[in-house]
Amino acid sequence: MPETINTPRVQLELKVERPRLYKVMLVNDDFTPREFVVRVLKAEFQLDEGQASRVMMTAHQRGVCVVAVFTQEVAETKATTATDMARSKGYPLLFTTEPEE
């Protein structure tokens, strides 16, 4: 009869951390037309007309506004793409990212 070896069973407890989230911020400027800002918000962030207008007006009134929250890579990509859209048309519109608290 074969000899059985008793080996202790190890239970692994996996702890999965959620990735840190980053805010995409719209920074107001006095040169980019409001209609263009709304167009960029709709194109890059899939906001509807009303949402895009509210975000644009909040940034206009407060100087900056949170557009959306994503993982770091997605937030940085969207901020860069949106800023590049503006630069390609000669506008100083700026989107930045910062960690969510």
N, C-alpha and C. Protein backbone atom coordinates (compact mmCIF):
# COMPACT_ATOMS: atom_id res chain seq x y z
N MET A 1 0.85 -1.17 0.00
CA MET A 1 0.00 0.00 0.00
C MET A 1 0.91 1.24 0.00
N PRO A 2 0.63 2.20 -0.89
CA PRO A 2 1.49 3.38 -0.94
C PRO A 2 1.34 4.24 0.30
N GLU A 3 2.44 4.83 0.66
CA GLU A 3 2.47 5.68 1.85
C GLU A 3 1.88 7.05 1.50
N THR A 4 1.00 7.57 2.32
CA THR A 4 0.44 8.90 2.09
C THR A 4 1.17 9.92 2.95
N ILE A 5 1.40 11.02 2.34
CA ILE A 5 2.09 12.09 3.05
C ILE A 5 1.07 13.17 3.36
N ASN A 6 0.99 13.50 4.62
CA ASN A 6 0.08 14.56 5.00
C ASN A 6 0.80 15.90 4.88
N THR A 7 0.35 16.69 3.95
CA THR A 7 0.93 18.03 3.80
C THR A 7 -0.10 19.04 4.25
N PRO A 8 0.35 20.02 4.97
CA PRO A 8 -0.62 21.02 5.43
C PRO A 8 -1.17 21.79 4.22
N ARG A 9 -2.42 22.09 4.30
CA ARG A 9 -3.05 22.87 3.24
C ARG A 9 -2.90 24.34 3.57
N VAL A 10 -2.44 25.06 2.58
CA VAL A 10 -2.23 26.50 2.77
C VAL A 10 -3.34 27.24 2.04
N GLN A 11 -3.99 28.09 2.75
CA GLN A 11 -5.02 28.90 2.10
C GLN A 11 -4.44 30.27 1.80
N LEU A 12 -4.49 30.61 0.54
CA LEU A 12 -4.00 31.91 0.14
C LEU A 12 -5.15 32.91 0.15
N GLU A 13 -4.89 34.02 0.73
CA GLU A 13 -5.91 35.06 0.73
C GLU A 13 -5.42 36.18 -0.19
N LEU A 14 -6.10 36.32 -1.29
CA LEU A 14 -5.71 37.35 -2.24
C LEU A 14 -6.41 38.65 -1.91
N LYS A 15 -5.63 39.67 -1.84
CA LYS A 15 -6.21 40.99 -1.61
C LYS A 15 -6.03 41.78 -2.89
N VAL A 16 -7.14 42.12 -3.48
CA VAL A 16 -7.11 42.86 -4.72
C VAL A 16 -7.46 44.31 -4.41
N GLU A 17 -6.51 45.17 -4.73
CA GLU A 17 -6.75 46.59 -4.49
C GLU A 17 -7.33 47.22 -5.75
N ARG A 18 -8.25 48.10 -5.54
CA ARG A 18 -8.78 48.85 -6.67
C ARG A 18 -7.71 49.83 -7.14
N PRO A 19 -7.63 50.03 -8.44
CA PRO A 19 -6.64 51.00 -8.91
C PRO A 19 -7.01 52.40 -8.44
N ARG A 20 -6.00 53.20 -8.20
CA ARG A 20 -6.23 54.58 -7.78
C ARG A 20 -6.89 55.34 -8.93
N LEU A 21 -7.85 56.17 -8.60
CA LEU A 21 -8.58 56.91 -9.62
C LEU A 21 -8.03 58.33 -9.75
N TYR A 22 -8.17 58.86 -10.96
CA TYR A 22 -7.69 60.21 -11.27
C TYR A 22 -8.81 61.03 -11.89
N LYS A 23 -8.85 62.29 -11.50
CA LYS A 23 -9.83 63.23 -12.03
C LYS A 23 -9.26 63.89 -13.28
N VAL A 24 -10.08 64.02 -14.30
CA VAL A 24 -9.72 64.84 -15.45
C VAL A 24 -10.33 66.20 -15.19
N MET A 25 -9.48 67.23 -15.22
CA MET A 25 -9.91 68.59 -14.91
C MET A 25 -9.89 69.46 -16.17
N LEU A 26 -10.95 70.23 -16.37
CA LEU A 26 -11.02 71.22 -17.44
C LEU A 26 -10.61 72.55 -16.84
N VAL A 27 -9.57 73.16 -17.41
CA VAL A 27 -9.06 74.45 -16.92
C VAL A 27 -9.59 75.54 -17.84
N ASN A 28 -10.24 76.53 -17.26
CA ASN A 28 -10.81 77.61 -18.05
C ASN A 28 -9.72 78.50 -18.65
N ASP A 29 -10.01 79.03 -19.82
CA ASP A 29 -9.17 80.07 -20.41
C ASP A 29 -10.10 81.10 -21.05
N ASP A 30 -9.56 82.26 -21.38
CA ASP A 30 -10.39 83.34 -21.92
C ASP A 30 -10.38 83.40 -23.44
N PHE A 31 -9.87 82.36 -24.09
CA PHE A 31 -9.73 82.42 -25.54
C PHE A 31 -10.48 81.34 -26.31
N THR A 32 -10.62 80.17 -25.74
CA THR A 32 -11.28 79.07 -26.45
C THR A 32 -12.79 79.31 -26.46
N PRO A 33 -13.42 79.27 -27.64
CA PRO A 33 -14.87 79.47 -27.71
C PRO A 33 -15.64 78.39 -26.94
N ARG A 34 -16.69 78.82 -26.29
CA ARG A 34 -17.50 77.89 -25.49
C ARG A 34 -18.02 76.73 -26.33
N GLU A 35 -18.43 77.01 -27.54
CA GLU A 35 -18.98 75.97 -28.42
C GLU A 35 -17.93 74.90 -28.70
N PHE A 36 -16.67 75.33 -28.85
CA PHE A 36 -15.60 74.37 -29.10
C PHE A 36 -15.37 73.50 -27.86
N VAL A 37 -15.40 74.10 -26.69
CA VAL A 37 -15.21 73.34 -25.44
C VAL A 37 -16.29 72.27 -25.33
N VAL A 38 -17.53 72.64 -25.61
CA VAL A 38 -18.64 71.69 -25.57
C VAL A 38 -18.41 70.57 -26.58
N ARG A 39 -17.95 70.90 -27.77
CA ARG A 39 -17.69 69.90 -28.80
C ARG A 39 -16.63 68.90 -28.33
N VAL A 40 -15.56 69.39 -27.72
CA VAL A 40 -14.50 68.51 -27.22
C VAL A 40 -15.03 67.61 -26.10
N LEU A 41 -15.79 68.16 -25.19
CA LEU A 41 -16.36 67.37 -24.08
C LEU A 41 -17.27 66.27 -24.60
N LYS A 42 -18.05 66.58 -25.61
CA LYS A 42 -18.94 65.57 -26.20
C LYS A 42 -18.14 64.50 -26.93
N ALA A 43 -17.13 64.92 -27.68
CA ALA A 43 -16.36 63.97 -28.49
C ALA A 43 -15.49 63.05 -27.64
N GLU A 44 -14.75 63.61 -26.70
CA GLU A 44 -13.77 62.81 -25.95
C GLU A 44 -14.35 62.15 -24.71
N PHE A 45 -15.34 62.79 -24.07
CA PHE A 45 -15.86 62.27 -22.81
C PHE A 45 -17.29 61.74 -22.92
N GLN A 46 -17.82 61.72 -24.13
CA GLN A 46 -19.17 61.21 -24.41
C GLN A 46 -20.25 61.86 -23.54
N LEU A 47 -20.08 63.15 -23.24
CA LEU A 47 -21.11 63.88 -22.51
C LEU A 47 -22.19 64.31 -23.51
N ASP A 48 -23.43 64.38 -23.03
CA ASP A 48 -24.46 64.91 -23.92
C ASP A 48 -24.38 66.44 -23.90
N GLU A 49 -25.16 67.07 -24.72
CA GLU A 49 -25.10 68.54 -24.86
C GLU A 49 -25.28 69.26 -23.53
N GLY A 50 -26.26 68.83 -22.74
CA GLY A 50 -26.54 69.47 -21.45
C GLY A 50 -25.40 69.28 -20.46
N GLN A 51 -24.89 68.06 -20.36
CA GLN A 51 -23.78 67.79 -19.45
C GLN A 51 -22.54 68.60 -19.84
N ALA A 52 -22.24 68.60 -21.14
CA ALA A 52 -21.06 69.32 -21.63
C ALA A 52 -21.19 70.82 -21.36
N SER A 53 -22.38 71.36 -21.54
CA SER A 53 -22.60 72.79 -21.29
C SER A 53 -22.43 73.12 -19.81
N ARG A 54 -22.94 72.24 -18.93
CA ARG A 54 -22.80 72.47 -17.49
C ARG A 54 -21.34 72.41 -17.05
N VAL A 55 -20.60 71.44 -17.55
CA VAL A 55 -19.18 71.33 -17.21
C VAL A 55 -18.43 72.56 -17.70
N MET A 56 -18.70 72.97 -18.93
CA MET A 56 -18.04 74.14 -19.50
C MET A 56 -18.35 75.39 -18.68
N MET A 57 -19.60 75.59 -18.30
CA MET A 57 -19.98 76.78 -17.52
C MET A 57 -19.38 76.75 -16.11
N THR A 58 -19.32 75.58 -15.51
CA THR A 58 -18.70 75.47 -14.18
C THR A 58 -17.23 75.86 -14.25
N ALA A 59 -16.52 75.36 -15.27
CA ALA A 59 -15.12 75.74 -15.44
C ALA A 59 -15.00 77.24 -15.71
N HIS A 60 -15.92 77.77 -16.49
CA HIS A 60 -15.90 79.20 -16.81
C HIS A 60 -16.08 80.05 -15.54
N GLN A 61 -16.98 79.62 -14.68
CA GLN A 61 -17.29 80.40 -13.48
C GLN A 61 -16.29 80.18 -12.35
N ARG A 62 -15.76 78.97 -12.21
CA ARG A 62 -14.88 78.64 -11.08
C ARG A 62 -13.40 78.54 -11.45
N GLY A 63 -13.12 78.54 -12.75
CA GLY A 63 -11.74 78.45 -13.20
C GLY A 63 -11.29 77.04 -13.53
N VAL A 64 -11.96 76.05 -12.95
CA VAL A 64 -11.62 74.65 -13.20
C VAL A 64 -12.83 73.79 -12.84
N CYS A 65 -12.94 72.64 -13.49
CA CYS A 65 -14.08 71.75 -13.22
C CYS A 65 -13.66 70.31 -13.47
N VAL A 66 -14.13 69.40 -12.62
CA VAL A 66 -13.90 67.97 -12.84
C VAL A 66 -14.81 67.53 -13.98
N VAL A 67 -14.20 66.91 -14.99
CA VAL A 67 -14.97 66.40 -16.13
C VAL A 67 -15.43 64.98 -15.85
N ALA A 68 -14.49 64.12 -15.42
CA ALA A 68 -14.79 62.71 -15.18
C ALA A 68 -13.67 62.11 -14.35
N VAL A 69 -13.89 60.88 -13.88
CA VAL A 69 -12.90 60.17 -13.06
C VAL A 69 -12.65 58.81 -13.71
N PHE A 70 -11.35 58.49 -13.87
CA PHE A 70 -10.94 57.25 -14.52
C PHE A 70 -9.72 56.69 -13.81
N THR A 71 -9.28 55.52 -14.25
CA THR A 71 -7.98 55.03 -13.81
C THR A 71 -6.93 55.98 -14.39
N GLN A 72 -5.73 55.94 -13.84
CA GLN A 72 -4.70 56.91 -14.23
C GLN A 72 -4.42 56.90 -15.73
N GLU A 73 -4.22 55.73 -16.30
CA GLU A 73 -3.88 55.65 -17.72
C GLU A 73 -4.99 56.22 -18.60
N VAL A 74 -6.23 55.87 -18.31
CA VAL A 74 -7.36 56.37 -19.10
C VAL A 74 -7.50 57.89 -18.93
N ALA A 75 -7.38 58.36 -17.69
CA ALA A 75 -7.50 59.80 -17.43
C ALA A 75 -6.43 60.58 -18.18
N GLU A 76 -5.19 60.12 -18.12
CA GLU A 76 -4.10 60.84 -18.79
C GLU A 76 -4.27 60.81 -20.31
N THR A 77 -4.72 59.69 -20.84
CA THR A 77 -4.93 59.58 -22.29
C THR A 77 -6.04 60.53 -22.74
N LYS A 78 -7.15 60.54 -22.02
CA LYS A 78 -8.26 61.41 -22.40
C LYS A 78 -7.89 62.88 -22.26
N ALA A 79 -7.19 63.24 -21.19
CA ALA A 79 -6.78 64.63 -21.00
C ALA A 79 -5.84 65.07 -22.13
N THR A 80 -4.90 64.22 -22.49
CA THR A 80 -3.96 64.54 -23.56
C THR A 80 -4.67 64.66 -24.90
N THR A 81 -5.55 63.72 -25.19
CA THR A 81 -6.28 63.74 -26.46
C THR A 81 -7.13 65.00 -26.57
N ALA A 82 -7.85 65.34 -25.51
CA ALA A 82 -8.71 66.53 -25.53
C ALA A 82 -7.88 67.81 -25.68
N THR A 83 -6.76 67.89 -24.97
CA THR A 83 -5.88 69.06 -25.09
C THR A 83 -5.31 69.14 -26.50
N ASP A 84 -4.91 68.01 -27.05
CA ASP A 84 -4.37 67.99 -28.41
C ASP A 84 -5.41 68.41 -29.44
N MET A 85 -6.68 68.05 -29.22
CA MET A 85 -7.75 68.49 -30.14
C MET A 85 -7.79 70.02 -30.20
N ALA A 86 -7.67 70.64 -29.03
CA ALA A 86 -7.70 72.10 -28.96
C ALA A 86 -6.45 72.71 -29.61
N ARG A 87 -5.30 72.13 -29.31
CA ARG A 87 -4.05 72.66 -29.86
C ARG A 87 -4.05 72.59 -31.39
N SER A 88 -4.64 71.53 -31.94
CA SER A 88 -4.67 71.37 -33.39
C SER A 88 -5.50 72.46 -34.07
N LYS A 89 -6.39 73.09 -33.29
CA LYS A 89 -7.21 74.19 -33.81
C LYS A 89 -6.67 75.55 -33.35
N GLY A 90 -5.55 75.54 -32.63
CA GLY A 90 -4.92 76.79 -32.20
C GLY A 90 -5.48 77.37 -30.91
N TYR A 91 -6.20 76.56 -30.14
CA TYR A 91 -6.78 77.04 -28.87
C TYR A 91 -5.92 76.59 -27.69
N PRO A 92 -5.89 77.41 -26.62
CA PRO A 92 -5.10 77.06 -25.43
C PRO A 92 -5.84 76.19 -24.41
N LEU A 93 -6.97 75.64 -24.78
CA LEU A 93 -7.76 74.80 -23.88
C LEU A 93 -6.88 73.73 -23.25
N LEU A 94 -7.04 73.53 -21.94
CA LEU A 94 -6.18 72.60 -21.22
C LEU A 94 -7.00 71.67 -20.34
N PHE A 95 -6.66 70.38 -20.42
CA PHE A 95 -7.20 69.36 -19.55
C PHE A 95 -6.04 68.79 -18.76
N THR A 96 -6.20 68.65 -17.44
CA THR A 96 -5.16 68.09 -16.60
C THR A 96 -5.72 66.91 -15.83
N THR A 97 -4.84 66.19 -15.14
CA THR A 97 -5.29 65.10 -14.27
C THR A 97 -4.70 65.28 -12.89
N GLU A 98 -5.40 64.76 -11.92
CA GLU A 98 -4.89 64.75 -10.54
C GLU A 98 -5.53 63.59 -9.80
N PRO A 99 -4.82 63.04 -8.82
CA PRO A 99 -5.37 61.89 -8.08
C PRO A 99 -6.65 62.29 -7.35
N GLU A 100 -7.58 61.35 -7.33
CA GLU A 100 -8.80 61.56 -6.56
C GLU A 100 -8.47 61.28 -5.11
N GLU A 101 -9.02 62.06 -4.21
CA GLU A 101 -8.72 61.89 -2.78
C GLU A 101 -9.66 60.93 -2.12
